[in-house]
N, C-alpha and C. Protein backbone atom coordinates (compact mmCIF):
# COMPACT_ATOMS: atom_id res chain seq x y z
N MET A 1 19.70 26.02 0.46
CA MET A 1 20.14 24.71 -0.04
C MET A 1 18.95 24.00 -0.69
N SER A 2 19.17 23.48 -1.87
CA SER A 2 18.04 22.78 -2.50
C SER A 2 18.09 21.30 -2.14
N HIS A 3 16.90 20.79 -1.88
CA HIS A 3 16.78 19.40 -1.45
C HIS A 3 16.53 18.48 -2.64
N GLN A 4 16.78 17.20 -2.43
CA GLN A 4 16.54 16.22 -3.48
C GLN A 4 15.53 15.18 -2.99
N HIS A 5 14.72 14.69 -3.94
CA HIS A 5 13.65 13.74 -3.64
C HIS A 5 13.75 12.57 -4.61
N PHE A 6 13.48 11.37 -4.10
CA PHE A 6 13.63 10.17 -4.92
C PHE A 6 12.44 9.23 -4.73
N ILE A 7 12.13 8.52 -5.80
CA ILE A 7 11.16 7.41 -5.77
C ILE A 7 11.96 6.14 -5.99
N LEU A 8 11.76 5.16 -5.16
CA LEU A 8 12.54 3.92 -5.23
C LEU A 8 11.61 2.72 -5.26
N PHE A 9 11.96 1.71 -6.05
CA PHE A 9 11.31 0.40 -5.97
C PHE A 9 12.21 -0.42 -5.04
N LYS A 10 11.83 -0.49 -3.76
CA LYS A 10 12.65 -1.24 -2.80
C LYS A 10 12.55 -2.72 -3.10
N PRO A 11 13.68 -3.37 -3.36
CA PRO A 11 13.62 -4.82 -3.61
C PRO A 11 13.40 -5.61 -2.33
N TYR A 12 12.99 -6.84 -2.50
CA TYR A 12 12.89 -7.80 -1.40
C TYR A 12 14.26 -7.93 -0.75
N GLY A 13 14.27 -8.05 0.58
CA GLY A 13 15.52 -8.35 1.29
C GLY A 13 16.34 -7.13 1.71
N TYR A 14 15.82 -5.92 1.46
CA TYR A 14 16.52 -4.70 1.89
C TYR A 14 15.77 -4.06 3.05
N LEU A 15 16.54 -3.47 3.97
CA LEU A 15 15.93 -2.69 5.03
C LEU A 15 15.64 -1.29 4.50
N SER A 16 14.63 -0.62 5.05
CA SER A 16 14.27 0.74 4.61
C SER A 16 15.12 1.78 5.35
N GLN A 17 16.42 1.54 5.42
CA GLN A 17 17.29 2.47 6.16
C GLN A 17 18.70 2.43 5.58
N PHE A 18 19.51 3.37 6.04
CA PHE A 18 20.87 3.52 5.52
C PHE A 18 21.92 2.99 6.50
N ILE A 19 21.55 2.91 7.79
CA ILE A 19 22.49 2.48 8.82
C ILE A 19 21.85 1.34 9.61
N TYR A 20 22.62 0.32 9.89
CA TYR A 20 22.13 -0.81 10.71
C TYR A 20 23.22 -1.13 11.72
N GLU A 21 22.92 -0.92 12.99
CA GLU A 21 23.97 -1.00 14.02
C GLU A 21 24.23 -2.41 14.54
N LEU A 22 23.28 -3.31 14.33
CA LEU A 22 23.47 -4.65 14.91
C LEU A 22 24.47 -5.45 14.09
N LYS A 23 24.89 -6.57 14.64
CA LYS A 23 26.01 -7.30 14.04
C LYS A 23 25.67 -7.99 12.70
N ARG A 24 24.43 -8.50 12.59
CA ARG A 24 24.09 -9.25 11.37
C ARG A 24 24.19 -8.37 10.15
N LYS A 25 24.73 -8.91 9.07
CA LYS A 25 24.88 -8.14 7.83
C LYS A 25 23.52 -8.01 7.15
N LYS A 26 23.12 -6.79 6.89
CA LYS A 26 21.83 -6.54 6.23
C LYS A 26 22.06 -5.69 5.00
N LYS A 27 21.15 -5.84 4.02
CA LYS A 27 21.21 -5.01 2.81
C LYS A 27 20.53 -3.68 3.11
N LEU A 28 21.22 -2.58 2.79
CA LEU A 28 20.73 -1.25 3.11
C LEU A 28 20.49 -0.44 1.83
N LEU A 29 19.70 0.62 1.93
CA LEU A 29 19.30 1.41 0.77
C LEU A 29 20.48 2.02 0.03
N GLY A 30 21.55 2.38 0.75
CA GLY A 30 22.71 3.00 0.14
C GLY A 30 23.39 2.13 -0.90
N GLU A 31 23.13 0.82 -0.87
CA GLU A 31 23.72 -0.10 -1.85
C GLU A 31 23.04 0.01 -3.21
N LEU A 32 21.86 0.64 -3.27
CA LEU A 32 21.08 0.68 -4.50
C LEU A 32 21.40 1.87 -5.39
N HIS A 33 21.94 2.95 -4.78
CA HIS A 33 22.10 4.20 -5.53
C HIS A 33 23.05 5.09 -4.73
N ASN A 34 23.72 5.99 -5.40
CA ASN A 34 24.60 6.93 -4.71
C ASN A 34 23.77 8.12 -4.23
N PHE A 35 23.03 7.92 -3.14
CA PHE A 35 22.17 8.98 -2.61
C PHE A 35 23.03 10.06 -1.95
N PRO A 36 22.56 11.33 -1.99
CA PRO A 36 23.32 12.38 -1.29
C PRO A 36 23.28 12.19 0.22
N ASP A 37 24.25 12.78 0.90
CA ASP A 37 24.29 12.71 2.36
C ASP A 37 22.98 13.28 2.91
N GLY A 38 22.52 12.69 3.99
CA GLY A 38 21.31 13.20 4.64
C GLY A 38 20.01 12.68 4.05
N THR A 39 20.09 11.75 3.08
CA THR A 39 18.88 11.18 2.51
C THR A 39 18.22 10.27 3.54
N MET A 40 16.89 10.40 3.65
CA MET A 40 16.15 9.55 4.60
C MET A 40 14.93 8.95 3.90
N ALA A 41 14.56 7.76 4.33
CA ALA A 41 13.34 7.13 3.82
C ALA A 41 12.15 7.75 4.56
N ILE A 42 11.08 8.00 3.81
CA ILE A 42 9.85 8.52 4.42
C ILE A 42 8.96 7.30 4.70
N GLY A 43 8.84 6.95 5.96
CA GLY A 43 8.12 5.73 6.30
C GLY A 43 9.01 4.54 6.01
N ARG A 44 8.43 3.35 5.96
CA ARG A 44 9.26 2.16 5.77
C ARG A 44 8.46 1.05 5.12
N LEU A 45 9.20 0.09 4.61
CA LEU A 45 8.65 -1.18 4.16
C LEU A 45 9.47 -2.26 4.85
N ASP A 46 8.83 -3.32 5.28
CA ASP A 46 9.56 -4.41 5.94
C ASP A 46 10.59 -5.00 4.98
N GLU A 47 11.55 -5.69 5.58
CA GLU A 47 12.63 -6.31 4.79
C GLU A 47 12.06 -7.24 3.71
N ASP A 48 10.99 -7.96 4.04
CA ASP A 48 10.43 -8.93 3.07
C ASP A 48 9.31 -8.34 2.22
N SER A 49 9.13 -7.01 2.29
CA SER A 49 8.16 -6.34 1.42
C SER A 49 8.90 -5.55 0.35
N GLU A 50 8.18 -5.24 -0.73
CA GLU A 50 8.81 -4.57 -1.87
C GLU A 50 7.99 -3.37 -2.28
N GLY A 51 8.56 -2.59 -3.20
CA GLY A 51 7.76 -1.57 -3.84
C GLY A 51 8.14 -0.15 -3.50
N LEU A 52 7.14 0.72 -3.61
CA LEU A 52 7.34 2.17 -3.58
C LEU A 52 7.82 2.67 -2.21
N LEU A 53 8.95 3.36 -2.25
CA LEU A 53 9.48 4.01 -1.07
C LEU A 53 9.92 5.41 -1.50
N LEU A 54 9.51 6.41 -0.74
CA LEU A 54 9.90 7.78 -1.03
C LEU A 54 11.09 8.15 -0.16
N LEU A 55 12.07 8.83 -0.76
CA LEU A 55 13.25 9.27 -0.01
C LEU A 55 13.46 10.76 -0.26
N THR A 56 14.01 11.45 0.74
CA THR A 56 14.24 12.88 0.61
C THR A 56 15.41 13.31 1.47
N THR A 57 15.99 14.45 1.13
CA THR A 57 17.01 15.05 2.00
C THR A 57 16.37 16.12 2.89
N ASP A 58 15.06 16.32 2.76
CA ASP A 58 14.34 17.38 3.47
C ASP A 58 13.50 16.81 4.61
N GLY A 59 13.96 17.01 5.84
CA GLY A 59 13.25 16.49 7.01
C GLY A 59 11.84 17.04 7.13
N LYS A 60 11.62 18.29 6.69
CA LYS A 60 10.28 18.89 6.77
C LYS A 60 9.30 18.15 5.88
N VAL A 61 9.76 17.80 4.67
CA VAL A 61 8.90 17.07 3.72
C VAL A 61 8.56 15.70 4.31
N SER A 62 9.57 15.06 4.89
CA SER A 62 9.36 13.74 5.49
C SER A 62 8.29 13.83 6.57
N GLU A 63 8.39 14.84 7.42
CA GLU A 63 7.43 15.02 8.52
C GLU A 63 6.03 15.32 7.99
N GLN A 64 5.95 16.18 6.97
CA GLN A 64 4.64 16.53 6.39
C GLN A 64 3.92 15.28 5.86
N ILE A 65 4.68 14.45 5.16
CA ILE A 65 4.07 13.27 4.55
C ILE A 65 3.67 12.25 5.62
N ARG A 66 4.55 12.06 6.62
CA ARG A 66 4.24 11.06 7.64
C ARG A 66 3.10 11.49 8.55
N SER A 67 2.91 12.80 8.69
CA SER A 67 1.85 13.26 9.60
C SER A 67 0.47 13.23 8.94
N LYS A 68 0.45 13.16 7.62
CA LYS A 68 -0.86 13.10 6.92
C LYS A 68 -1.34 11.65 6.88
N LYS A 69 -2.63 11.50 6.82
CA LYS A 69 -3.17 10.15 6.61
C LYS A 69 -3.26 9.94 5.09
N VAL A 70 -2.16 9.54 4.51
CA VAL A 70 -2.07 9.37 3.06
C VAL A 70 -2.40 7.92 2.72
N ASP A 71 -3.21 7.75 1.66
CA ASP A 71 -3.52 6.38 1.21
C ASP A 71 -2.26 5.69 0.71
N LYS A 72 -2.12 4.43 1.11
CA LYS A 72 -1.03 3.60 0.61
C LYS A 72 -1.67 2.35 0.02
N GLU A 73 -1.39 2.10 -1.27
CA GLU A 73 -1.99 0.95 -1.93
C GLU A 73 -0.95 -0.16 -2.10
N TYR A 74 -1.36 -1.36 -1.76
CA TYR A 74 -0.49 -2.53 -1.84
C TYR A 74 -1.12 -3.58 -2.75
N TYR A 75 -0.29 -4.21 -3.57
CA TYR A 75 -0.72 -5.41 -4.29
C TYR A 75 -0.15 -6.58 -3.50
N VAL A 76 -1.05 -7.50 -3.14
CA VAL A 76 -0.62 -8.66 -2.36
C VAL A 76 -0.91 -9.94 -3.12
N GLN A 77 0.08 -10.79 -3.17
CA GLN A 77 -0.10 -12.13 -3.72
C GLN A 77 -0.38 -13.03 -2.53
N VAL A 78 -1.52 -13.72 -2.58
CA VAL A 78 -1.91 -14.53 -1.44
C VAL A 78 -1.96 -16.01 -1.80
N ASP A 79 -1.92 -16.81 -0.75
CA ASP A 79 -1.97 -18.26 -0.88
C ASP A 79 -3.43 -18.65 -1.08
N GLY A 80 -3.76 -19.19 -2.26
CA GLY A 80 -5.13 -19.58 -2.56
C GLY A 80 -5.80 -18.54 -3.47
N ILE A 81 -7.00 -18.86 -3.90
CA ILE A 81 -7.78 -17.95 -4.75
C ILE A 81 -8.69 -17.13 -3.84
N ILE A 82 -8.36 -15.87 -3.65
CA ILE A 82 -9.10 -15.03 -2.70
C ILE A 82 -10.55 -14.86 -3.19
N THR A 83 -11.47 -14.89 -2.24
CA THR A 83 -12.90 -14.87 -2.57
C THR A 83 -13.48 -13.45 -2.42
N PRO A 84 -14.60 -13.19 -3.11
CA PRO A 84 -15.30 -11.91 -2.91
C PRO A 84 -15.69 -11.68 -1.45
N GLU A 85 -16.00 -12.77 -0.75
CA GLU A 85 -16.39 -12.66 0.67
C GLU A 85 -15.20 -12.17 1.50
N ALA A 86 -14.01 -12.70 1.22
CA ALA A 86 -12.81 -12.28 1.95
C ALA A 86 -12.51 -10.80 1.66
N ILE A 87 -12.68 -10.39 0.40
CA ILE A 87 -12.46 -8.99 0.01
C ILE A 87 -13.43 -8.09 0.78
N GLU A 88 -14.69 -8.53 0.88
CA GLU A 88 -15.70 -7.75 1.61
C GLU A 88 -15.32 -7.59 3.08
N GLU A 89 -14.82 -8.68 3.67
CA GLU A 89 -14.38 -8.60 5.08
C GLU A 89 -13.25 -7.59 5.23
N LEU A 90 -12.27 -7.63 4.30
CA LEU A 90 -11.16 -6.68 4.34
C LEU A 90 -11.67 -5.24 4.26
N GLN A 91 -12.66 -5.02 3.36
CA GLN A 91 -13.21 -3.68 3.16
C GLN A 91 -13.85 -3.15 4.44
N LYS A 92 -14.52 -4.02 5.17
CA LYS A 92 -15.25 -3.60 6.37
C LYS A 92 -14.31 -3.40 7.56
N GLY A 93 -13.19 -4.11 7.57
CA GLY A 93 -12.28 -4.08 8.71
C GLY A 93 -12.24 -5.42 9.39
N VAL A 94 -11.04 -5.87 9.76
CA VAL A 94 -10.88 -7.18 10.39
C VAL A 94 -10.08 -7.03 11.68
N GLU A 95 -10.21 -8.02 12.55
CA GLU A 95 -9.48 -7.98 13.81
C GLU A 95 -8.09 -8.57 13.61
N ILE A 96 -7.07 -7.80 14.02
CA ILE A 96 -5.69 -8.31 13.95
C ILE A 96 -5.05 -8.13 15.32
N GLY A 97 -3.99 -8.87 15.56
CA GLY A 97 -3.22 -8.68 16.78
C GLY A 97 -2.28 -7.50 16.61
N PHE A 98 -2.22 -6.63 17.62
CA PHE A 98 -1.31 -5.49 17.54
C PHE A 98 -0.90 -5.07 18.94
N ASP A 99 0.43 -4.97 19.16
CA ASP A 99 0.95 -4.52 20.46
C ASP A 99 0.44 -5.36 21.61
N GLY A 100 0.35 -6.66 21.40
CA GLY A 100 -0.10 -7.55 22.46
C GLY A 100 -1.60 -7.59 22.67
N GLY A 101 -2.34 -6.76 21.91
CA GLY A 101 -3.80 -6.76 22.07
C GLY A 101 -4.47 -7.02 20.74
N LYS A 102 -5.75 -6.68 20.66
CA LYS A 102 -6.53 -6.86 19.43
C LYS A 102 -6.86 -5.49 18.86
N TYR A 103 -6.93 -5.43 17.55
CA TYR A 103 -7.21 -4.16 16.88
C TYR A 103 -8.11 -4.44 15.68
N ILE A 104 -9.15 -3.61 15.51
CA ILE A 104 -10.01 -3.73 14.32
C ILE A 104 -9.52 -2.71 13.28
N THR A 105 -9.15 -3.19 12.12
CA THR A 105 -8.66 -2.27 11.08
C THR A 105 -9.80 -1.39 10.59
N LYS A 106 -9.45 -0.20 10.12
CA LYS A 106 -10.45 0.74 9.60
C LYS A 106 -10.96 0.22 8.26
N PRO A 107 -12.20 0.59 7.89
CA PRO A 107 -12.69 0.23 6.56
C PRO A 107 -11.69 0.73 5.49
N CYS A 108 -11.52 -0.08 4.44
CA CYS A 108 -10.53 0.26 3.44
C CYS A 108 -11.01 -0.18 2.06
N SER A 109 -10.29 0.23 1.05
CA SER A 109 -10.58 -0.20 -0.31
C SER A 109 -9.83 -1.51 -0.57
N ALA A 110 -10.52 -2.48 -1.15
CA ALA A 110 -9.86 -3.75 -1.50
C ALA A 110 -10.59 -4.34 -2.70
N PHE A 111 -9.84 -4.93 -3.60
CA PHE A 111 -10.46 -5.61 -4.74
C PHE A 111 -9.53 -6.69 -5.27
N ILE A 112 -10.13 -7.63 -6.01
CA ILE A 112 -9.36 -8.70 -6.62
C ILE A 112 -8.65 -8.15 -7.85
N VAL A 113 -7.38 -8.46 -7.99
CA VAL A 113 -6.60 -8.03 -9.16
C VAL A 113 -6.61 -9.21 -10.14
N THR A 114 -7.22 -8.99 -11.31
CA THR A 114 -7.37 -10.11 -12.26
C THR A 114 -6.15 -10.24 -13.18
N GLU A 115 -5.51 -9.11 -13.50
CA GLU A 115 -4.33 -9.19 -14.36
C GLU A 115 -3.09 -9.24 -13.48
N ILE A 116 -2.30 -10.29 -13.63
CA ILE A 116 -1.13 -10.44 -12.77
C ILE A 116 -0.13 -9.33 -13.06
N PRO A 117 0.24 -8.55 -12.05
CA PRO A 117 1.16 -7.44 -12.29
C PRO A 117 2.55 -7.92 -12.69
N ASP A 118 3.23 -7.12 -13.51
CA ASP A 118 4.55 -7.49 -13.98
C ASP A 118 5.62 -6.83 -13.12
N PHE A 119 5.80 -7.35 -11.92
CA PHE A 119 6.81 -6.79 -11.02
C PHE A 119 8.17 -7.45 -11.24
N GLY A 120 8.22 -8.44 -12.11
CA GLY A 120 9.46 -9.19 -12.27
C GLY A 120 9.56 -10.20 -11.14
N PRO A 121 10.50 -11.13 -11.29
CA PRO A 121 10.64 -12.17 -10.24
C PRO A 121 11.18 -11.56 -8.96
N ARG A 122 10.81 -12.14 -7.83
CA ARG A 122 11.32 -11.67 -6.55
C ARG A 122 12.71 -12.26 -6.33
N ALA A 123 13.55 -11.58 -5.59
CA ALA A 123 14.91 -12.04 -5.34
C ALA A 123 14.91 -13.45 -4.73
N LYS A 124 13.94 -13.70 -3.86
CA LYS A 124 13.82 -15.04 -3.25
C LYS A 124 12.55 -15.65 -3.80
N LYS A 125 12.69 -16.84 -4.38
CA LYS A 125 11.54 -17.51 -4.99
C LYS A 125 10.41 -17.65 -3.96
N ILE A 126 9.20 -17.40 -4.39
CA ILE A 126 8.10 -17.41 -3.45
C ILE A 126 7.75 -18.83 -3.03
N ARG A 127 7.36 -19.64 -3.96
CA ARG A 127 7.18 -21.06 -3.70
C ARG A 127 6.78 -21.74 -4.99
N ASP A 128 6.77 -23.01 -4.94
CA ASP A 128 6.52 -23.82 -6.13
C ASP A 128 5.02 -23.87 -6.43
N GLU A 129 4.67 -23.85 -7.70
CA GLU A 129 3.27 -23.92 -8.12
C GLU A 129 2.58 -25.19 -7.60
N ARG A 130 3.36 -26.22 -7.33
CA ARG A 130 2.76 -27.48 -6.85
C ARG A 130 2.07 -27.31 -5.49
N HIS A 131 2.37 -26.23 -4.80
CA HIS A 131 1.74 -26.01 -3.50
C HIS A 131 0.34 -25.41 -3.63
N GLY A 132 -0.17 -25.33 -4.85
CA GLY A 132 -1.52 -24.82 -5.04
C GLY A 132 -1.52 -23.43 -5.62
N PRO A 133 -2.70 -22.97 -6.01
CA PRO A 133 -2.80 -21.68 -6.72
C PRO A 133 -2.61 -20.47 -5.81
N THR A 134 -2.25 -19.37 -6.42
CA THR A 134 -2.16 -18.10 -5.71
C THR A 134 -3.01 -17.07 -6.47
N SER A 135 -3.29 -15.96 -5.83
CA SER A 135 -4.04 -14.89 -6.50
C SER A 135 -3.55 -13.55 -5.96
N TRP A 136 -3.95 -12.46 -6.63
CA TRP A 136 -3.53 -11.11 -6.24
C TRP A 136 -4.75 -10.28 -5.83
N ALA A 137 -4.53 -9.40 -4.86
CA ALA A 137 -5.55 -8.44 -4.45
C ALA A 137 -4.89 -7.08 -4.25
N SER A 138 -5.70 -6.02 -4.33
CA SER A 138 -5.24 -4.67 -4.01
C SER A 138 -5.87 -4.27 -2.68
N ILE A 139 -5.07 -3.73 -1.79
CA ILE A 139 -5.57 -3.25 -0.50
C ILE A 139 -4.99 -1.85 -0.28
N THR A 140 -5.88 -0.88 -0.01
CA THR A 140 -5.44 0.50 0.23
C THR A 140 -5.78 0.89 1.66
N VAL A 141 -4.77 1.25 2.43
CA VAL A 141 -4.98 1.67 3.82
C VAL A 141 -4.34 3.05 4.03
N ASN A 142 -4.82 3.77 5.04
CA ASN A 142 -4.14 5.02 5.37
C ASN A 142 -3.71 5.02 6.84
N GLU A 143 -3.61 3.82 7.39
CA GLU A 143 -3.02 3.67 8.71
C GLU A 143 -1.88 2.67 8.52
N GLY A 144 -0.94 2.66 9.39
CA GLY A 144 0.22 1.80 9.16
C GLY A 144 0.64 1.03 10.38
N LYS A 145 -0.22 0.17 10.86
CA LYS A 145 0.16 -0.68 12.00
C LYS A 145 1.20 -1.69 11.53
N PHE A 146 1.97 -2.22 12.48
CA PHE A 146 3.08 -3.14 12.16
C PHE A 146 2.58 -4.36 11.38
N ARG A 147 3.09 -4.54 10.18
CA ARG A 147 2.77 -5.66 9.30
C ARG A 147 1.24 -5.82 9.09
N GLN A 148 0.57 -4.69 9.05
CA GLN A 148 -0.90 -4.68 9.03
C GLN A 148 -1.51 -5.43 7.86
N VAL A 149 -1.03 -5.16 6.64
CA VAL A 149 -1.65 -5.78 5.46
C VAL A 149 -1.49 -7.29 5.50
N ARG A 150 -0.31 -7.76 5.89
CA ARG A 150 -0.09 -9.21 6.02
C ARG A 150 -1.05 -9.83 7.05
N LYS A 151 -1.22 -9.13 8.17
CA LYS A 151 -2.12 -9.63 9.22
C LYS A 151 -3.56 -9.63 8.74
N MET A 152 -3.91 -8.63 7.92
CA MET A 152 -5.29 -8.55 7.41
C MET A 152 -5.61 -9.72 6.49
N THR A 153 -4.70 -10.03 5.56
CA THR A 153 -5.02 -11.14 4.63
C THR A 153 -5.04 -12.47 5.38
N ALA A 154 -4.16 -12.62 6.37
CA ALA A 154 -4.15 -13.85 7.17
C ALA A 154 -5.47 -13.98 7.95
N ALA A 155 -5.99 -12.85 8.43
CA ALA A 155 -7.22 -12.85 9.22
C ALA A 155 -8.42 -13.35 8.41
N VAL A 156 -8.38 -13.18 7.09
CA VAL A 156 -9.51 -13.65 6.26
C VAL A 156 -9.16 -14.97 5.56
N GLY A 157 -8.07 -15.60 6.01
CA GLY A 157 -7.77 -16.96 5.54
C GLY A 157 -6.88 -17.06 4.31
N PHE A 158 -6.24 -15.95 3.92
CA PHE A 158 -5.38 -15.96 2.73
C PHE A 158 -4.03 -15.32 3.05
N PRO A 159 -3.10 -16.12 3.59
CA PRO A 159 -1.80 -15.56 3.98
C PRO A 159 -1.08 -14.89 2.79
N THR A 160 -0.41 -13.79 3.07
CA THR A 160 0.35 -13.06 2.04
C THR A 160 1.65 -13.77 1.74
N LEU A 161 1.90 -13.98 0.45
CA LEU A 161 3.16 -14.56 0.00
C LEU A 161 4.12 -13.47 -0.51
N ARG A 162 3.55 -12.43 -1.10
CA ARG A 162 4.36 -11.34 -1.65
C ARG A 162 3.57 -10.05 -1.48
N LEU A 163 4.26 -8.98 -1.06
CA LEU A 163 3.59 -7.71 -0.84
C LEU A 163 4.40 -6.62 -1.54
N VAL A 164 3.71 -5.85 -2.42
CA VAL A 164 4.37 -4.79 -3.18
C VAL A 164 3.56 -3.51 -3.04
N ARG A 165 4.16 -2.46 -2.48
CA ARG A 165 3.46 -1.18 -2.39
C ARG A 165 3.53 -0.49 -3.76
N VAL A 166 2.37 -0.11 -4.29
CA VAL A 166 2.32 0.46 -5.64
C VAL A 166 1.99 1.95 -5.66
N ARG A 167 1.51 2.47 -4.52
CA ARG A 167 1.09 3.88 -4.54
C ARG A 167 1.15 4.47 -3.13
N ILE A 168 1.58 5.74 -3.05
CA ILE A 168 1.47 6.54 -1.82
C ILE A 168 0.84 7.86 -2.27
N GLY A 169 -0.41 8.12 -1.85
CA GLY A 169 -1.12 9.32 -2.32
C GLY A 169 -1.24 9.27 -3.83
N ASN A 170 -0.73 10.30 -4.51
CA ASN A 170 -0.76 10.33 -5.98
C ASN A 170 0.56 9.89 -6.61
N VAL A 171 1.47 9.38 -5.81
CA VAL A 171 2.76 8.93 -6.34
C VAL A 171 2.66 7.43 -6.59
N TYR A 172 2.92 7.05 -7.83
CA TYR A 172 2.80 5.64 -8.24
C TYR A 172 4.17 5.02 -8.50
N LEU A 173 4.23 3.71 -8.39
CA LEU A 173 5.45 2.95 -8.68
C LEU A 173 5.81 3.06 -10.17
N GLN A 174 4.82 3.38 -10.99
CA GLN A 174 4.99 3.47 -12.45
C GLN A 174 5.55 2.16 -12.96
N ASP A 175 6.49 2.24 -13.92
CA ASP A 175 7.02 0.97 -14.44
C ASP A 175 8.44 0.72 -13.94
N LEU A 176 8.74 1.21 -12.74
CA LEU A 176 10.04 0.94 -12.15
C LEU A 176 10.17 -0.56 -11.87
N LYS A 177 11.39 -1.05 -11.95
CA LYS A 177 11.68 -2.43 -11.58
C LYS A 177 12.45 -2.42 -10.26
N ALA A 178 12.52 -3.58 -9.61
CA ALA A 178 13.18 -3.68 -8.30
C ALA A 178 14.59 -3.08 -8.35
N GLY A 179 14.86 -2.15 -7.44
CA GLY A 179 16.17 -1.52 -7.36
C GLY A 179 16.27 -0.21 -8.13
N ASP A 180 15.28 0.10 -8.98
CA ASP A 180 15.30 1.35 -9.75
C ASP A 180 15.06 2.56 -8.83
N VAL A 181 15.76 3.66 -9.14
CA VAL A 181 15.62 4.90 -8.41
C VAL A 181 15.33 6.00 -9.43
N LEU A 182 14.36 6.87 -9.11
CA LEU A 182 13.99 7.96 -9.98
C LEU A 182 14.04 9.25 -9.16
N GLU A 183 14.84 10.23 -9.60
CA GLU A 183 14.85 11.51 -8.89
C GLU A 183 13.69 12.35 -9.41
N VAL A 184 12.94 12.99 -8.51
CA VAL A 184 11.78 13.79 -8.88
C VAL A 184 11.91 15.19 -8.26
N PRO A 185 11.28 16.20 -8.89
CA PRO A 185 11.38 17.56 -8.34
C PRO A 185 10.64 17.69 -7.00
N ASP A 186 9.55 16.95 -6.84
CA ASP A 186 8.79 16.97 -5.59
C ASP A 186 7.85 15.77 -5.59
N PHE A 187 7.14 15.59 -4.46
CA PHE A 187 6.16 14.52 -4.36
C PHE A 187 4.80 15.17 -4.47
N LYS A 188 4.05 14.86 -5.49
CA LYS A 188 2.70 15.44 -5.63
C LYS A 188 1.70 14.51 -4.95
N LEU A 189 1.59 14.68 -3.66
CA LEU A 189 0.64 13.88 -2.90
C LEU A 189 -0.67 14.64 -2.81
N GLU A 190 -1.76 13.97 -3.19
CA GLU A 190 -3.08 14.59 -3.24
C GLU A 190 -3.00 15.81 -4.13
N ASN A 191 -3.70 16.90 -3.80
CA ASN A 191 -3.72 18.04 -4.71
C ASN A 191 -2.60 19.03 -4.47
N ASN A 192 -2.07 19.02 -3.26
CA ASN A 192 -0.99 19.96 -2.99
C ASN A 192 0.34 19.25 -3.13
N SER A 193 1.27 19.87 -3.82
CA SER A 193 2.56 19.21 -3.98
C SER A 193 3.42 19.51 -2.75
N ILE A 194 4.15 18.50 -2.35
CA ILE A 194 5.06 18.65 -1.19
C ILE A 194 6.47 18.49 -1.73
């Protein structure tokens, strides 16, 4: 049986899953595209996060990708004009709360994004310009603690307003817009294709 693989720009307000058992009505991935039976998301993005999500019908591929420490790059829009000092702190690792305790994040790549990315407007307006300036940064991590990137920017004094994952390994969001789905023959993560 041949498997199918997809790249998705997960919009704001969707869960990274196909089934939701609780009573509250939630937006699910199946509403975005007619995916084949057995399609699963590889990893997840929070409901209020956007961007690159890989989906596959092949459980082995999903396991291979999740078991590797693959770089994940996020573009974050933060409250205020992020400083070089804050970026340096992020690069070195910051203390965040995790599982009821404290955790120091691993050193990571981070830089100020000077050209505002064209992700299109978010489904829910972020906030009014009158509340002060915002800025964008890129943060690349290969660990995935719960809401880690948001906690990291808050730890250096710049709360995240919008978070968009733009890359997983060598797979990029490209010029997809929110809700777009692209079927691909495989995921070329790092040098070996999966």
